[in-house]
Amino acid sequence: MTTEFQVPDDTQWDETPRSGVSRICLYAGWSLVVVWAVGLVAVLIWQAATEGESIRFGALLGLVPLVAFGLIILSALIDRLHTRKTDPYRKVQK
């Protein structure tokens, strides 16, 4: 007889994307964040060196983080909808 309690695997809060679409959205979102940050630094250096201003670059620098954030949220939403079918706590009521 043993008193050791064996904890079952808990995959409910696993951080990895659960589907291919979710993985693509997550990696595309974070890739856009990295590209945006590098582009922002490059544009700021270029504008400081040339004392120029471009509306097109400004629009892109404002739009890219919104698209990236949307892709990351979409990835989380896809995973949540995927796990909702098997969520044991879905029918718990107060």
PDB file of N, CA and C in Angstrom:
ATOM      1  N   MET A   1       0.843  -1.172   0.000  1.00  0.00           N
ATOM      2  CA  MET A   1       0.000   0.000   0.000  1.00  0.00           C
ATOM      3  C   MET A   1       0.895   1.244   0.000  1.00  0.00           C
ATOM      4  N   THR A   2       0.499   2.212  -0.808  1.00  0.00           N
ATOM      5  CA  THR A   2       1.298   3.436  -0.912  1.00  0.00           C
ATOM      6  C   THR A   2       0.399   4.658  -0.724  1.00  0.00           C
ATOM      7  N   THR A   3       0.983   5.694  -0.168  1.00  0.00           N
ATOM      8  CA  THR A   3       0.229   6.938   0.032  1.00  0.00           C
ATOM      9  C   THR A   3       0.606   7.997  -0.989  1.00  0.00           C
ATOM     10  N   GLU A   4       1.409   7.612  -1.937  1.00  0.00           N
ATOM     11  CA  GLU A   4       1.848   8.578  -2.951  1.00  0.00           C
ATOM     12  C   GLU A   4       0.708   8.836  -3.941  1.00  0.00           C
ATOM     13  N   PHE A   5       0.448  10.101  -4.158  1.00  0.00           N
ATOM     14  CA  PHE A   5      -0.629  10.495  -5.069  1.00  0.00           C
ATOM     15  C   PHE A   5      -0.040  10.801  -6.438  1.00  0.00           C
ATOM     16  N   GLN A   6      -0.557  10.172  -7.464  1.00  0.00           N
ATOM     17  CA  GLN A   6      -0.070  10.395  -8.818  1.00  0.00           C
ATOM     18  C   GLN A   6      -0.951  11.442  -9.489  1.00  0.00           C
ATOM     19  N   VAL A   7      -0.347  12.563  -9.842  1.00  0.00           N
ATOM     20  CA  VAL A   7      -1.087  13.648 -10.479  1.00  0.00           C
ATOM     21  C   VAL A   7      -1.218  13.349 -11.971  1.00  0.00           C
ATOM     22  N   PRO A   8      -2.434  13.386 -12.504  1.00  0.00           N
ATOM     23  CA  PRO A   8      -2.593  13.145 -13.949  1.00  0.00           C
ATOM     24  C   PRO A   8      -2.036  14.316 -14.762  1.00  0.00           C
ATOM     25  N   ASP A   9      -1.701  14.040 -15.992  1.00  0.00           N
ATOM     26  CA  ASP A   9      -1.202  15.088 -16.879  1.00  0.00           C
ATOM     27  C   ASP A   9      -2.284  16.132 -17.101  1.00  0.00           C
ATOM     28  N   ASP A  10      -1.889  17.384 -17.009  1.00  0.00           N
ATOM     29  CA  ASP A  10      -2.832  18.483 -17.221  1.00  0.00           C
ATOM     30  C   ASP A  10      -2.459  19.191 -18.517  1.00  0.00           C
ATOM     31  N   THR A  11      -3.207  18.923 -19.564  1.00  0.00           N
ATOM     32  CA  THR A  11      -2.937  19.567 -20.849  1.00  0.00           C
ATOM     33  C   THR A  11      -3.913  20.697 -21.119  1.00  0.00           C
ATOM     34  N   GLN A  12      -4.766  20.997 -20.130  1.00  0.00           N
ATOM     35  CA  GLN A  12      -5.759  22.055 -20.326  1.00  0.00           C
ATOM     36  C   GLN A  12      -5.097  23.405 -20.558  1.00  0.00           C
ATOM     37  N   TRP A  13      -4.009  23.691 -19.845  1.00  0.00           N
ATOM     38  CA  TRP A  13      -3.365  25.000 -19.930  1.00  0.00           C
ATOM     39  C   TRP A  13      -2.048  24.923 -20.689  1.00  0.00           C
ATOM     40  N   ASP A  14      -1.925  23.955 -21.571  1.00  0.00           N
ATOM     41  CA  ASP A  14      -0.716  23.819 -22.375  1.00  0.00           C
ATOM     42  C   ASP A  14      -0.548  25.050 -23.262  1.00  0.00           C
ATOM     43  N   GLU A  15       0.677  25.554 -23.350  1.00  0.00           N
ATOM     44  CA  GLU A  15       0.932  26.809 -24.066  1.00  0.00           C
ATOM     45  C   GLU A  15       1.129  26.627 -25.572  1.00  0.00           C
ATOM     46  N   THR A  16       1.371  25.428 -26.026  1.00  0.00           N
ATOM     47  CA  THR A  16       1.655  25.230 -27.444  1.00  0.00           C
ATOM     48  C   THR A  16       0.373  25.330 -28.265  1.00  0.00           C
ATOM     49  N   PRO A  17       0.469  25.861 -29.479  1.00  0.00           N
ATOM     50  CA  PRO A  17      -0.716  25.921 -30.351  1.00  0.00           C
ATOM     51  C   PRO A  17      -1.230  24.517 -30.654  1.00  0.00           C
ATOM     52  N   ARG A  18      -2.532  24.372 -30.719  1.00  0.00           N
ATOM     53  CA  ARG A  18      -3.131  23.051 -30.880  1.00  0.00           C
ATOM     54  C   ARG A  18      -3.434  22.675 -32.331  1.00  0.00           C
ATOM     55  N   SER A  19      -3.401  23.637 -33.235  1.00  0.00           N
ATOM     56  CA  SER A  19      -3.700  23.313 -34.628  1.00  0.00           C
ATOM     57  C   SER A  19      -2.734  24.063 -35.541  1.00  0.00           C
ATOM     58  N   GLY A  20      -2.718  23.658 -36.787  1.00  0.00           N
ATOM     59  CA  GLY A  20      -1.828  24.299 -37.751  1.00  0.00           C
ATOM     60  C   GLY A  20      -2.177  25.757 -37.998  1.00  0.00           C
ATOM     61  N   VAL A  21      -3.470  26.064 -38.077  1.00  0.00           N
ATOM     62  CA  VAL A  21      -3.897  27.448 -38.304  1.00  0.00           C
ATOM     63  C   VAL A  21      -3.507  28.317 -37.117  1.00  0.00           C
ATOM     64  N   SER A  22      -3.694  27.782 -35.909  1.00  0.00           N
ATOM     65  CA  SER A  22      -3.319  28.523 -34.707  1.00  0.00           C
ATOM     66  C   SER A  22      -1.815  28.774 -34.673  1.00  0.00           C
ATOM     67  N   ARG A  23      -1.042  27.767 -35.021  1.00  0.00           N
ATOM     68  CA  ARG A  23       0.422  27.900 -35.040  1.00  0.00           C
ATOM     69  C   ARG A  23       0.846  28.954 -36.061  1.00  0.00           C
ATOM     70  N   ILE A  24       0.226  28.941 -37.242  1.00  0.00           N
ATOM     71  CA  ILE A  24       0.560  29.929 -38.276  1.00  0.00           C
ATOM     72  C   ILE A  24       0.223  31.338 -37.795  1.00  0.00           C
ATOM     73  N   CYS A  25      -0.963  31.505 -37.202  1.00  0.00           N
ATOM     74  CA  CYS A  25      -1.356  32.837 -36.704  1.00  0.00           C
ATOM     75  C   CYS A  25      -0.418  33.318 -35.607  1.00  0.00           C
ATOM     76  N   LEU A  26      -0.073  32.429 -34.684  1.00  0.00           N
ATOM     77  CA  LEU A  26       0.800  32.820 -33.579  1.00  0.00           C
ATOM     78  C   LEU A  26       2.177  33.225 -34.089  1.00  0.00           C
ATOM     79  N   TYR A  27       2.786  32.381 -34.920  1.00  0.00           N
ATOM     80  CA  TYR A  27       4.129  32.691 -35.412  1.00  0.00           C
ATOM     81  C   TYR A  27       4.125  33.878 -36.367  1.00  0.00           C
ATOM     82  N   ALA A  28       3.076  34.022 -37.163  1.00  0.00           N
ATOM     83  CA  ALA A  28       2.990  35.186 -38.053  1.00  0.00           C
ATOM     84  C   ALA A  28       2.837  36.463 -37.239  1.00  0.00           C
ATOM     85  N   GLY A  29       2.045  36.401 -36.184  1.00  0.00           N
ATOM     86  CA  GLY A  29       1.868  37.571 -35.328  1.00  0.00           C
ATOM     87  C   GLY A  29       3.161  37.996 -34.664  1.00  0.00           C
ATOM     88  N   TRP A  30       3.868  37.047 -34.067  1.00  0.00           N
ATOM     89  CA  TRP A  30       5.129  37.403 -33.405  1.00  0.00           C
ATOM     90  C   TRP A  30       6.201  37.789 -34.417  1.00  0.00           C
ATOM     91  N   SER A  31       6.176  37.192 -35.596  1.00  0.00           N
ATOM     92  CA  SER A  31       7.127  37.599 -36.641  1.00  0.00           C
ATOM     93  C   SER A  31       6.874  39.038 -37.061  1.00  0.00           C
ATOM     94  N   LEU A  32       5.593  39.401 -37.193  1.00  0.00           N
ATOM     95  CA  LEU A  32       5.266  40.788 -37.529  1.00  0.00           C
ATOM     96  C   LEU A  32       5.714  41.750 -36.437  1.00  0.00           C
ATOM     97  N   VAL A  33       5.599  41.349 -35.185  1.00  0.00           N
ATOM     98  CA  VAL A  33       6.062  42.203 -34.090  1.00  0.00           C
ATOM     99  C   VAL A  33       7.564  42.441 -34.200  1.00  0.00           C
ATOM    100  N   VAL A  34       8.326  41.392 -34.466  1.00  0.00           N
ATOM    101  CA  VAL A  34       9.784  41.528 -34.585  1.00  0.00           C
ATOM    102  C   VAL A  34      10.149  42.375 -35.798  1.00  0.00           C
ATOM    103  N   VAL A  35       9.521  42.099 -36.942  1.00  0.00           N
ATOM    104  CA  VAL A  35       9.804  42.878 -38.155  1.00  0.00           C
ATOM    105  C   VAL A  35       9.416  44.336 -37.943  1.00  0.00           C
ATOM    106  N   TRP A  36       8.293  44.577 -37.271  1.00  0.00           N
ATOM    107  CA  TRP A  36       7.859  45.942 -36.995  1.00  0.00           C
ATOM    108  C   TRP A  36       8.864  46.669 -36.117  1.00  0.00           C
ATOM    109  N   ALA A  37       9.348  46.004 -35.079  1.00  0.00           N
ATOM    110  CA  ALA A  37      10.304  46.646 -34.178  1.00  0.00           C
ATOM    111  C   ALA A  37      11.600  46.986 -34.908  1.00  0.00           C
ATOM    112  N   VAL A  38      12.091  46.063 -35.720  1.00  0.00           N
ATOM    113  CA  VAL A  38      13.311  46.330 -36.495  1.00  0.00           C
ATOM    114  C   VAL A  38      13.053  47.440 -37.508  1.00  0.00           C
ATOM    115  N   GLY A  39      11.903  47.399 -38.171  1.00  0.00           N
ATOM    116  CA  GLY A  39      11.559  48.449 -39.132  1.00  0.00           C
ATOM    117  C   GLY A  39      11.409  49.802 -38.471  1.00  0.00           C
ATOM    118  N   LEU A  40      10.836  49.841 -37.289  1.00  0.00           N
ATOM    119  CA  LEU A  40      10.682  51.095 -36.563  1.00  0.00           C
ATOM    120  C   LEU A  40      12.038  51.712 -36.251  1.00  0.00           C
ATOM    121  N   VAL A  41      12.952  50.901 -35.771  1.00  0.00           N
ATOM    122  CA  VAL A  41      14.299  51.407 -35.477  1.00  0.00           C
ATOM    123  C   VAL A  41      14.974  51.887 -36.757  1.00  0.00           C
ATOM    124  N   ALA A  42      14.850  51.120 -37.846  1.00  0.00           N
ATOM    125  CA  ALA A  42      15.479  51.513 -39.109  1.00  0.00           C
ATOM    126  C   ALA A  42      14.895  52.824 -39.637  1.00  0.00           C
ATOM    127  N   VAL A  43      13.583  52.981 -39.589  1.00  0.00           N
ATOM    128  CA  VAL A  43      12.949  54.208 -40.076  1.00  0.00           C
ATOM    129  C   VAL A  43      13.335  55.399 -39.212  1.00  0.00           C
ATOM    130  N   LEU A  44      13.381  55.201 -37.909  1.00  0.00           N
ATOM    131  CA  LEU A  44      13.776  56.303 -37.028  1.00  0.00           C
ATOM    132  C   LEU A  44      15.215  56.742 -37.292  1.00  0.00           C
ATOM    133  N   ILE A  45      16.098  55.790 -37.514  1.00  0.00           N
ATOM    134  CA  ILE A  45      17.489  56.134 -37.847  1.00  0.00           C
ATOM    135  C   ILE A  45      17.543  56.832 -39.196  1.00  0.00           C
ATOM    136  N   TRP A  46      16.798  56.323 -40.176  1.00  0.00           N
ATOM    137  CA  TRP A  46      16.791  56.928 -41.514  1.00  0.00           C
ATOM    138  C   TRP A  46      16.233  58.346 -41.468  1.00  0.00           C
ATOM    139  N   GLN A  47      15.140  58.553 -40.737  1.00  0.00           N
ATOM    140  CA  GLN A  47      14.566  59.894 -40.654  1.00  0.00           C
ATOM    141  C   GLN A  47      15.480  60.853 -39.909  1.00  0.00           C
ATOM    142  N   ALA A  48      16.183  60.354 -38.916  1.00  0.00           N
ATOM    143  CA  ALA A  48      17.125  61.218 -38.206  1.00  0.00           C
ATOM    144  C   ALA A  48      18.291  61.598 -39.105  1.00  0.00           C
ATOM    145  N   ALA A  49      18.703  60.671 -39.973  1.00  0.00           N
ATOM    146  CA  ALA A  49      19.839  60.946 -40.854  1.00  0.00           C
ATOM    147  C   ALA A  49      19.450  61.862 -42.012  1.00  0.00           C
ATOM    148  N   THR A  50      18.239  61.726 -42.550  1.00  0.00           N
ATOM    149  CA  THR A  50      17.844  62.505 -43.729  1.00  0.00           C
ATOM    150  C   THR A  50      16.904  63.656 -43.400  1.00  0.00           C
ATOM    151  N   GLU A  51      16.445  63.728 -42.173  1.00  0.00           N
ATOM    152  CA  GLU A  51      15.481  64.736 -41.740  1.00  0.00           C
ATOM    153  C   GLU A  51      14.234  64.725 -42.625  1.00  0.00           C
ATOM    154  N   GLY A  52      13.851  63.544 -43.066  1.00  0.00           N
ATOM    155  CA  GLY A  52      12.677  63.406 -43.931  1.00  0.00           C
ATOM    156  C   GLY A  52      11.507  62.831 -43.164  1.00  0.00           C
ATOM    157  N   GLU A  53      10.342  62.941 -43.778  1.00  0.00           N
ATOM    158  CA  GLU A  53       9.135  62.412 -43.153  1.00  0.00           C
ATOM    159  C   GLU A  53       8.266  61.796 -44.244  1.00  0.00           C
ATOM    160  N   SER A  54       7.745  60.609 -43.977  1.00  0.00           N
ATOM    161  CA  SER A  54       6.927  59.922 -44.965  1.00  0.00           C
ATOM    162  C   SER A  54       5.628  59.459 -44.314  1.00  0.00           C
ATOM    163  N   ILE A  55       4.513  59.812 -44.917  1.00  0.00           N
ATOM    164  CA  ILE A  55       3.212  59.420 -44.378  1.00  0.00           C
ATOM    165  C   ILE A  55       2.996  57.919 -44.557  1.00  0.00           C
ATOM    166  N   ARG A  56       3.489  57.365 -45.643  1.00  0.00           N
ATOM    167  CA  ARG A  56       3.302  55.943 -45.917  1.00  0.00           C
ATOM    168  C   ARG A  56       3.975  55.083 -44.845  1.00  0.00           C
ATOM    169  N   PHE A  57       5.218  55.431 -44.484  1.00  0.00           N
ATOM    170  CA  PHE A  57       5.903  54.678 -43.429  1.00  0.00           C
ATOM    171  C   PHE A  57       5.181  54.838 -42.097  1.00  0.00           C
ATOM    172  N   GLY A  58       4.685  56.014 -41.833  1.00  0.00           N
ATOM    173  CA  GLY A  58       3.950  56.240 -40.586  1.00  0.00           C
ATOM    174  C   GLY A  58       2.693  55.399 -40.499  1.00  0.00           C
ATOM    175  N   ALA A  59       1.998  55.277 -41.623  1.00  0.00           N
ATOM    176  CA  ALA A  59       0.785  54.459 -41.646  1.00  0.00           C
ATOM    177  C   ALA A  59       1.119  52.985 -41.424  1.00  0.00           C
ATOM    178  N   LEU A  60       2.182  52.513 -42.060  1.00  0.00           N
ATOM    179  CA  LEU A  60       2.594  51.123 -41.873  1.00  0.00           C
ATOM    180  C   LEU A  60       3.036  50.860 -40.441  1.00  0.00           C
ATOM    181  N   LEU A  61       3.775  51.795 -39.881  1.00  0.00           N
ATOM    182  CA  LEU A  61       4.254  51.599 -38.516  1.00  0.00           C
ATOM    183  C   LEU A  61       3.103  51.600 -37.514  1.00  0.00           C
ATOM    184  N   GLY A  62       2.005  52.221 -37.855  1.00  0.00           N
ATOM    185  CA  GLY A  62       0.843  52.184 -36.980  1.00  0.00           C
ATOM    186  C   GLY A  62      -0.047  50.978 -37.208  1.00  0.00           C
ATOM    187  N   LEU A  63      -0.076  50.455 -38.425  1.00  0.00           N
ATOM    188  CA  LEU A  63      -0.971  49.358 -38.773  1.00  0.00           C
ATOM    189  C   LEU A  63      -0.404  47.984 -38.419  1.00  0.00           C
ATOM    190  N   VAL A  64       0.890  47.804 -38.594  1.00  0.00           N
ATOM    191  CA  VAL A  64       1.503  46.488 -38.393  1.00  0.00           C
ATOM    192  C   VAL A  64       1.308  45.953 -36.971  1.00  0.00           C
ATOM    193  N   PRO A  65       1.504  46.753 -35.920  1.00  0.00           N
ATOM    194  CA  PRO A  65       1.286  46.176 -34.583  1.00  0.00           C
ATOM    195  C   PRO A  65      -0.168  45.765 -34.342  1.00  0.00           C
ATOM    196  N   LEU A  66      -1.107  46.470 -34.942  1.00  0.00           N
ATOM    197  CA  LEU A  66      -2.510  46.082 -34.793  1.00  0.00           C
ATOM    198  C   LEU A  66      -2.793  44.743 -35.469  1.00  0.00           C
ATOM    199  N   VAL A  67      -2.233  44.548 -36.655  1.00  0.00           N
ATOM    200  CA  VAL A  67      -2.410  43.274 -37.361  1.00  0.00           C
ATOM    201  C   VAL A  67      -1.739  42.144 -36.582  1.00  0.00           C
ATOM    202  N   ALA A  68      -0.530  42.397 -36.079  1.00  0.00           N
ATOM    203  CA  ALA A  68       0.192  41.379 -35.311  1.00  0.00           C
ATOM    204  C   ALA A  68      -0.584  41.003 -34.051  1.00  0.00           C
ATOM    205  N   PHE A  69      -1.089  41.996 -33.336  1.00  0.00           N
ATOM    206  CA  PHE A  69      -1.867  41.735 -32.129  1.00  0.00           C
ATOM    207  C   PHE A  69      -3.130  40.942 -32.473  1.00  0.00           C
ATOM    208  N   GLY A  70      -3.762  41.283 -33.578  1.00  0.00           N
ATOM    209  CA  GLY A  70      -4.948  40.552 -34.012  1.00  0.00           C
ATOM    210  C   GLY A  70      -4.647  39.094 -34.325  1.00  0.00           C
ATOM    211  N   LEU A  71      -3.506  38.822 -34.957  1.00  0.00           N
ATOM    212  CA  LEU A  71      -3.129  37.440 -35.265  1.00  0.00           C
ATOM    213  C   LEU A  71      -2.844  36.642 -33.996  1.00  0.00           C
ATOM    214  N   ILE A  72      -2.203  37.268 -33.019  1.00  0.00           N
ATOM    215  CA  ILE A  72      -1.911  36.574 -31.765  1.00  0.00           C
ATOM    216  C   ILE A  72      -3.213  36.265 -31.018  1.00  0.00           C
ATOM    217  N   ILE A  73      -4.132  37.222 -30.987  1.00  0.00           N
ATOM    218  CA  ILE A  73      -5.432  36.991 -30.348  1.00  0.00           C
ATOM    219  C   ILE A  73      -6.219  35.918 -31.106  1.00  0.00           C
ATOM    220  N   LEU A  74      -6.158  35.938 -32.438  1.00  0.00           N
ATOM    221  CA  LEU A  74      -6.838  34.924 -33.244  1.00  0.00           C
ATOM    222  C   LEU A  74      -6.296  33.530 -32.935  1.00  0.00           C
ATOM    223  N   SER A  75      -4.987  33.416 -32.758  1.00  0.00           N
ATOM    224  CA  SER A  75      -4.383  32.136 -32.399  1.00  0.00           C
ATOM    225  C   SER A  75      -4.936  31.624 -31.073  1.00  0.00           C
ATOM    226  N   ALA A  76      -5.016  32.502 -30.076  1.00  0.00           N
ATOM    227  CA  ALA A  76      -5.555  32.098 -28.772  1.00  0.00           C
ATOM    228  C   ALA A  76      -7.029  31.719 -28.885  1.00  0.00           C
ATOM    229  N   LEU A  77      -7.783  32.455 -29.688  1.00  0.00           N
ATOM    230  CA  LEU A  77      -9.203  32.161 -29.870  1.00  0.00           C
ATOM    231  C   LEU A  77      -9.405  30.811 -30.551  1.00  0.00           C
ATOM    232  N   ILE A  78      -8.608  30.522 -31.561  1.00  0.00           N
ATOM    233  CA  ILE A  78      -8.711  29.235 -32.255  1.00  0.00           C
ATOM    234  C   ILE A  78      -8.427  28.096 -31.288  1.00  0.00           C
ATOM    235  N   ASP A  79      -7.377  28.242 -30.461  1.00  0.00           N
ATOM    236  CA  ASP A  79      -7.062  27.198 -29.488  1.00  0.00           C
ATOM    237  C   ASP A  79      -8.178  27.038 -28.464  1.00  0.00           C
ATOM    238  N   ARG A  80      -8.749  28.142 -28.021  1.00  0.00           N
ATOM    239  CA  ARG A  80      -9.822  28.077 -27.023  1.00  0.00           C
ATOM    240  C   ARG A  80     -11.058  27.391 -27.599  1.00  0.00           C
ATOM    241  N   LEU A  81     -11.403  27.715 -28.833  1.00  0.00           N
ATOM    242  CA  LEU A  81     -12.551  27.064 -29.460  1.00  0.00           C
ATOM    243  C   LEU A  81     -12.284  25.584 -29.699  1.00  0.00           C
ATOM    244  N   HIS A  82     -11.028  25.238 -29.960  1.00  0.00           N
ATOM    245  CA  HIS A  82     -10.662  23.844 -30.185  1.00  0.00           C
ATOM    246  C   HIS A  82     -10.801  23.040 -28.888  1.00  0.00           C
ATOM    247  N   THR A  83     -10.383  23.609 -27.748  1.00  0.00           N
ATOM    248  CA  THR A  83     -10.447  22.880 -26.479  1.00  0.00           C
ATOM    249  C   THR A  83     -11.817  22.962 -25.820  1.00  0.00           C
ATOM    250  N   ARG A  84     -12.671  23.833 -26.293  1.00  0.00           N
ATOM    251  CA  ARG A  84     -13.991  24.003 -25.675  1.00  0.00           C
ATOM    252  C   ARG A  84     -14.823  22.729 -25.761  1.00  0.00           C
ATOM    253  N   LYS A  85     -14.623  21.962 -26.827  1.00  0.00           N
ATOM    254  CA  LYS A  85     -15.395  20.735 -27.011  1.00  0.00           C
ATOM    255  C   LYS A  85     -15.137  19.725 -25.891  1.00  0.00           C
ATOM    256  N   THR A  86     -13.903  19.682 -25.397  1.00  0.00           N
ATOM    257  CA  THR A  86     -13.536  18.682 -24.395  1.00  0.00           C
ATOM    258  C   THR A  86     -13.281  19.293 -23.023  1.00  0.00           C
ATOM    259  N   ASP A  87     -13.669  20.530 -22.804  1.00  0.00           N
ATOM    260  CA  ASP A  87     -13.438  21.205 -21.526  1.00  0.00           C
ATOM    261  C   ASP A  87     -14.355  20.608 -20.459  1.00  0.00           C
ATOM    262  N   PRO A  88     -13.784  19.965 -19.420  1.00  0.00           N
ATOM    263  CA  PRO A  88     -14.632  19.337 -18.411  1.00  0.00           C
ATOM    264  C   PRO A  88     -15.335  20.353 -17.505  1.00  0.00           C
ATOM    265  N   TYR A  89     -14.881  21.586 -17.488  1.00  0.00           N
ATOM    266  CA  TYR A  89     -15.450  22.599 -16.602  1.00  0.00           C
ATOM    267  C   TYR A  89     -16.500  23.469 -17.292  1.00  0.00           C
ATOM    268  N   ARG A  90     -16.827  23.158 -18.517  1.00  0.00           N
ATOM    269  CA  ARG A  90     -17.759  23.967 -19.291  1.00  0.00           C
ATOM    270  C   ARG A  90     -19.169  23.945 -18.709  1.00  0.00           C
ATOM    271  N   LYS A  91     -19.581  22.822 -18.151  1.00  0.00           N
ATOM    272  CA  LYS A  91     -20.957  22.681 -17.670  1.00  0.00           C
ATOM    273  C   LYS A  91     -21.091  22.898 -16.163  1.00  0.00           C
ATOM    274  N   VAL A  92     -20.031  23.339 -15.514  1.00  0.00           N
ATOM    275  CA  VAL A  92     -20.090  23.580 -14.071  1.00  0.00           C
ATOM    276  C   VAL A  92     -20.908  24.836 -13.812  1.00  0.00           C
ATOM    277  N   GLN A  93     -21.850  24.730 -12.883  1.00  0.00           N
ATOM    278  CA  GLN A  93     -22.692  25.869 -12.533  1.00  0.00           C
ATOM    279  C   GLN A  93     -22.510  26.187 -11.058  1.00  0.00           C
ATOM    280  N   LYS A  94     -22.792  27.436 -10.705  1.00  0.00           N
ATOM    281  CA  LYS A  94     -22.648  27.848  -9.301  1.00  0.00           C
ATOM    282  C   LYS A  94     -23.757  27.279  -8.461  1.00  0.00           C
TER     283      LYS A  94
END
